[in-house]
């Protein structure tokens, strides 16, 4: 069973710009993945407003019985979130690696238009390598 079920990248407007399924049991179709991304964007924004502490950046971890959802928000308000097995460790570090790949291969791509869906082969290749490397590291623990 895979530790990581899926990866989402959401632009600052709440639009899904990247989705990758890594073997979750009930694969989602395009409409379902769009709904999940939109719902998460809304929940993240609401949590910032409802937080009793000032400077809250939103939900970083959502724990459920059957999955955990880890979220990283960049300074440009692009959100990266991973749905994974409950109790999976070190997802924050993986999300930062994914963010670095995003900045290196997507944002520096002269053909990429900001806020648009990500279609970049080098990003896909390096993302697959990072996920595989993380899976190997998880199995070794």
C-alpha atoms as a PDB file:
ATOM      1  CA  UNK A   1       0.000   0.000   0.000  1.00  0.00           C
ATOM      2  CA  UNK A   2       1.320   3.433  -0.951  1.00  0.00           C
ATOM      3  CA  UNK A   3       2.040   5.944   1.808  1.00  0.00           C
ATOM      4  CA  UNK A   4       0.972   8.824  -0.433  1.00  0.00           C
ATOM      5  CA  UNK A   5      -2.482   8.647  -1.963  1.00  0.00           C
ATOM      6  CA  UNK A   6      -2.566  11.892  -3.957  1.00  0.00           C
ATOM      7  CA  UNK A   7      -1.020  15.313  -4.483  1.00  0.00           C
ATOM      8  CA  UNK A   8      -2.855  18.562  -5.240  1.00  0.00           C
ATOM      9  CA  UNK A   9      -1.562  22.011  -6.147  1.00  0.00           C
ATOM     10  CA  UNK A  10      -4.044  24.883  -5.894  1.00  0.00           C
ATOM     11  CA  UNK A  11      -3.453  28.423  -7.146  1.00  0.00           C
ATOM     12  CA  UNK A  12      -4.197  31.474  -4.986  1.00  0.00           C
ATOM     13  CA  UNK A  13      -7.696  31.774  -6.488  1.00  0.00           C
ATOM     14  CA  UNK A  14      -8.602  28.234  -5.445  1.00  0.00           C
ATOM     15  CA  UNK A  15      -8.247  26.643  -8.880  1.00  0.00           C
ATOM     16  CA  UNK A  16      -6.749  23.189  -9.179  1.00  0.00           C
ATOM     17  CA  UNK A  17      -3.605  23.491 -11.307  1.00  0.00           C
ATOM     18  CA  UNK A  18      -2.130  20.038 -10.665  1.00  0.00           C
ATOM     19  CA  UNK A  19      -3.460  16.684  -9.454  1.00  0.00           C
ATOM     20  CA  UNK A  20      -1.695  13.355  -9.303  1.00  0.00           C
ATOM     21  CA  UNK A  21      -3.128  10.105  -7.941  1.00  0.00           C
ATOM     22  CA  UNK A  22      -0.637   7.661  -6.435  1.00  0.00           C
ATOM     23  CA  UNK A  23      -2.779   4.587  -6.108  1.00  0.00           C
ATOM     24  CA  UNK A  24      -5.594   5.496  -3.772  1.00  0.00           C
ATOM     25  CA  UNK A  25      -8.282   2.841  -3.455  1.00  0.00           C
ATOM     26  CA  UNK A  26     -11.130   4.895  -4.882  1.00  0.00           C
ATOM     27  CA  UNK A  27      -9.661   6.877  -7.732  1.00  0.00           C
ATOM     28  CA  UNK A  28     -11.382  10.175  -8.281  1.00  0.00           C
ATOM     29  CA  UNK A  29     -12.477  11.529 -11.595  1.00  0.00           C
ATOM     30  CA  UNK A  30     -11.643  15.067 -12.691  1.00  0.00           C
ATOM     31  CA  UNK A  31     -14.798  16.621 -11.231  1.00  0.00           C
ATOM     32  CA  UNK A  32     -14.230  15.034  -7.820  1.00  0.00           C
ATOM     33  CA  UNK A  33     -10.625  16.246  -7.670  1.00  0.00           C
ATOM     34  CA  UNK A  34     -11.796  19.766  -8.589  1.00  0.00           C
ATOM     35  CA  UNK A  35     -14.392  19.631  -5.798  1.00  0.00           C
ATOM     36  CA  UNK A  36     -11.830  18.464  -3.233  1.00  0.00           C
ATOM     37  CA  UNK A  37      -9.424  21.246  -4.203  1.00  0.00           C
ATOM     38  CA  UNK A  38     -12.147  23.883  -4.042  1.00  0.00           C
ATOM     39  CA  UNK A  39     -13.385  22.614  -0.691  1.00  0.00           C
ATOM     40  CA  UNK A  40      -9.868  22.571   0.768  1.00  0.00           C
ATOM     41  CA  UNK A  41      -9.195  26.120  -0.471  1.00  0.00           C
ATOM     42  CA  UNK A  42     -12.382  27.315   1.246  1.00  0.00           C
ATOM     43  CA  UNK A  43     -11.698  25.441   4.500  1.00  0.00           C
ATOM     44  CA  UNK A  44      -8.143  26.776   4.561  1.00  0.00           C
ATOM     45  CA  UNK A  45      -9.355  30.373   4.139  1.00  0.00           C
ATOM     46  CA  UNK A  46     -12.093  29.990   6.766  1.00  0.00           C
ATOM     47  CA  UNK A  47      -9.630  28.501   9.274  1.00  0.00           C
ATOM     48  CA  UNK A  48      -7.396  31.570   8.885  1.00  0.00           C
ATOM     49  CA  UNK A  49     -10.310  33.844   9.751  1.00  0.00           C
ATOM     50  CA  UNK A  50     -11.643  31.754  12.651  1.00  0.00           C
ATOM     51  CA  UNK A  51      -8.298  31.177  14.345  1.00  0.00           C
ATOM     52  CA  UNK A  52      -8.091  32.713  17.821  1.00  0.00           C
ATOM     53  CA  UNK A  53      -4.393  33.495  17.262  1.00  0.00           C
ATOM     54  CA  UNK A  54      -3.227  36.302  15.020  1.00  0.00           C
ATOM     55  CA  UNK A  55      -1.112  35.471  12.005  1.00  0.00           C
ATOM     56  CA  UNK A  56      -2.577  31.994  11.485  1.00  0.00           C
ATOM     57  CA  UNK A  57      -1.665  30.631   8.058  1.00  0.00           C
ATOM     58  CA  UNK A  58      -4.497  28.091   7.894  1.00  0.00           C
ATOM     59  CA  UNK A  59      -4.789  24.348   8.367  1.00  0.00           C
ATOM     60  CA  UNK A  60      -1.501  22.489   7.997  1.00  0.00           C
ATOM     61  CA  UNK A  61      -2.646  19.015   9.040  1.00  0.00           C
ATOM     62  CA  UNK A  62      -6.030  17.340   8.933  1.00  0.00           C
ATOM     63  CA  UNK A  63      -6.134  13.927  10.594  1.00  0.00           C
ATOM     64  CA  UNK A  64      -8.923  11.454   9.877  1.00  0.00           C
ATOM     65  CA  UNK A  65      -9.387   7.748  10.588  1.00  0.00           C
ATOM     66  CA  UNK A  66      -8.386   6.620   7.104  1.00  0.00           C
ATOM     67  CA  UNK A  67      -6.057   9.406   5.874  1.00  0.00           C
ATOM     68  CA  UNK A  68      -4.008  12.452   6.817  1.00  0.00           C
ATOM     69  CA  UNK A  69      -3.932  15.629   4.759  1.00  0.00           C
ATOM     70  CA  UNK A  70      -0.767  17.735   4.993  1.00  0.00           C
ATOM     71  CA  UNK A  71      -0.756  21.233   3.515  1.00  0.00           C
ATOM     72  CA  UNK A  72       1.989  23.729   2.692  1.00  0.00           C
ATOM     73  CA  UNK A  73       1.122  27.247   1.568  1.00  0.00           C
ATOM     74  CA  UNK A  74       3.783  29.266  -0.242  1.00  0.00           C
ATOM     75  CA  UNK A  75       4.248  33.015   0.123  1.00  0.00           C
ATOM     76  CA  UNK A  76       2.340  33.470  -3.150  1.00  0.00           C
ATOM     77  CA  UNK A  77      -0.609  31.591  -1.563  1.00  0.00           C
ATOM     78  CA  UNK A  78      -0.195  28.568  -3.814  1.00  0.00           C
ATOM     79  CA  UNK A  79      -1.213  25.540  -1.750  1.00  0.00           C
ATOM     80  CA  UNK A  80       0.411  22.127  -1.981  1.00  0.00           C
ATOM     81  CA  UNK A  81      -1.324  19.296  -0.194  1.00  0.00           C
ATOM     82  CA  UNK A  82      -0.756  15.589   0.090  1.00  0.00           C
ATOM     83  CA  UNK A  83      -3.313  12.992   1.131  1.00  0.00           C
ATOM     84  CA  UNK A  84      -1.493  10.064   2.748  1.00  0.00           C
ATOM     85  CA  UNK A  85      -1.812   7.122   5.128  1.00  0.00           C
ATOM     86  CA  UNK A  86      -2.602   8.056   8.733  1.00  0.00           C
ATOM     87  CA  UNK A  87       0.504   8.718  10.786  1.00  0.00           C
ATOM     88  CA  UNK A  88       2.863   9.175   7.832  1.00  0.00           C
ATOM     89  CA  UNK A  89       5.845  11.183   9.024  1.00  0.00           C
ATOM     90  CA  UNK A  90       7.934  13.882   7.344  1.00  0.00           C
ATOM     91  CA  UNK A  91       5.313  15.035   4.846  1.00  0.00           C
ATOM     92  CA  UNK A  92       6.185  18.675   5.571  1.00  0.00           C
ATOM     93  CA  UNK A  93       9.698  18.056   4.239  1.00  0.00           C
ATOM     94  CA  UNK A  94       8.310  16.305   1.153  1.00  0.00           C
ATOM     95  CA  UNK A  95       5.941  19.219   0.484  1.00  0.00           C
ATOM     96  CA  UNK A  96       8.872  21.629   0.630  1.00  0.00           C
ATOM     97  CA  UNK A  97      10.788  19.456  -1.857  1.00  0.00           C
ATOM     98  CA  UNK A  98       7.735  19.508  -4.139  1.00  0.00           C
ATOM     99  CA  UNK A  99       7.589  23.288  -3.785  1.00  0.00           C
ATOM    100  CA  UNK A 100      11.265  23.522  -4.775  1.00  0.00           C
ATOM    101  CA  UNK A 101      10.568  21.365  -7.836  1.00  0.00           C
ATOM    102  CA  UNK A 102       7.625  23.644  -8.668  1.00  0.00           C
ATOM    103  CA  UNK A 103       9.812  26.754  -8.486  1.00  0.00           C
ATOM    104  CA  UNK A 104      12.651  25.138 -10.445  1.00  0.00           C
ATOM    105  CA  UNK A 105      10.724  23.451 -13.239  1.00  0.00           C
ATOM    106  CA  UNK A 106       7.379  25.234 -13.495  1.00  0.00           C
ATOM    107  CA  UNK A 107       7.933  28.857 -12.544  1.00  0.00           C
ATOM    108  CA  UNK A 108      11.224  29.064 -14.452  1.00  0.00           C
ATOM    109  CA  UNK A 109       9.635  27.562 -17.553  1.00  0.00           C
ATOM    110  CA  UNK A 110       9.237  30.410 -20.076  1.00  0.00           C
ATOM    111  CA  UNK A 111       6.153  28.751 -21.579  1.00  0.00           C
ATOM    112  CA  UNK A 112       4.240  28.453 -18.291  1.00  0.00           C
ATOM    113  CA  UNK A 113       1.533  31.024 -17.601  1.00  0.00           C
ATOM    114  CA  UNK A 114       0.941  31.812 -13.928  1.00  0.00           C
ATOM    115  CA  UNK A 115      -2.192  30.342 -12.330  1.00  0.00           C
ATOM    116  CA  UNK A 116      -2.729  27.951 -15.257  1.00  0.00           C
ATOM    117  CA  UNK A 117      -2.674  24.126 -15.113  1.00  0.00           C
ATOM    118  CA  UNK A 118       0.817  22.660 -14.888  1.00  0.00           C
ATOM    119  CA  UNK A 119       1.963  20.810 -18.003  1.00  0.00           C
ATOM    120  CA  UNK A 120       5.702  20.429 -17.601  1.00  0.00           C
ATOM    121  CA  UNK A 121       7.481  17.170 -18.366  1.00  0.00           C
ATOM    122  CA  UNK A 122      10.588  17.961 -16.282  1.00  0.00           C
ATOM    123  CA  UNK A 123       8.393  18.720 -13.274  1.00  0.00           C
ATOM    124  CA  UNK A 124       6.567  15.398 -13.710  1.00  0.00           C
ATOM    125  CA  UNK A 125       9.797  13.414 -14.011  1.00  0.00           C
ATOM    126  CA  UNK A 126      11.444  15.015 -10.981  1.00  0.00           C
ATOM    127  CA  UNK A 127       8.242  14.806  -8.942  1.00  0.00           C
ATOM    128  CA  UNK A 128       7.996  11.072  -9.635  1.00  0.00           C
ATOM    129  CA  UNK A 129      11.618  10.647  -8.537  1.00  0.00           C
ATOM    130  CA  UNK A 130      11.021  12.618  -5.324  1.00  0.00           C
ATOM    131  CA  UNK A 131       7.911  10.582  -4.465  1.00  0.00           C
ATOM    132  CA  UNK A 132       9.724   7.297  -5.160  1.00  0.00           C
ATOM    133  CA  UNK A 133      12.678   8.427  -3.059  1.00  0.00           C
ATOM    134  CA  UNK A 134      10.307   9.305  -0.219  1.00  0.00           C
ATOM    135  CA  UNK A 135       8.562   5.922  -0.455  1.00  0.00           C
ATOM    136  CA  UNK A 136      11.901   4.134  -0.247  1.00  0.00           C
ATOM    137  CA  UNK A 137      12.874   6.229   2.761  1.00  0.00           C
ATOM    138  CA  UNK A 138       9.535   5.429   4.446  1.00  0.00           C
ATOM    139  CA  UNK A 139      10.011   1.703   3.880  1.00  0.00           C
ATOM    140  CA  UNK A 140      13.494   1.880   5.404  1.00  0.00           C
ATOM    141  CA  UNK A 141      12.221   3.411   8.672  1.00  0.00           C
END
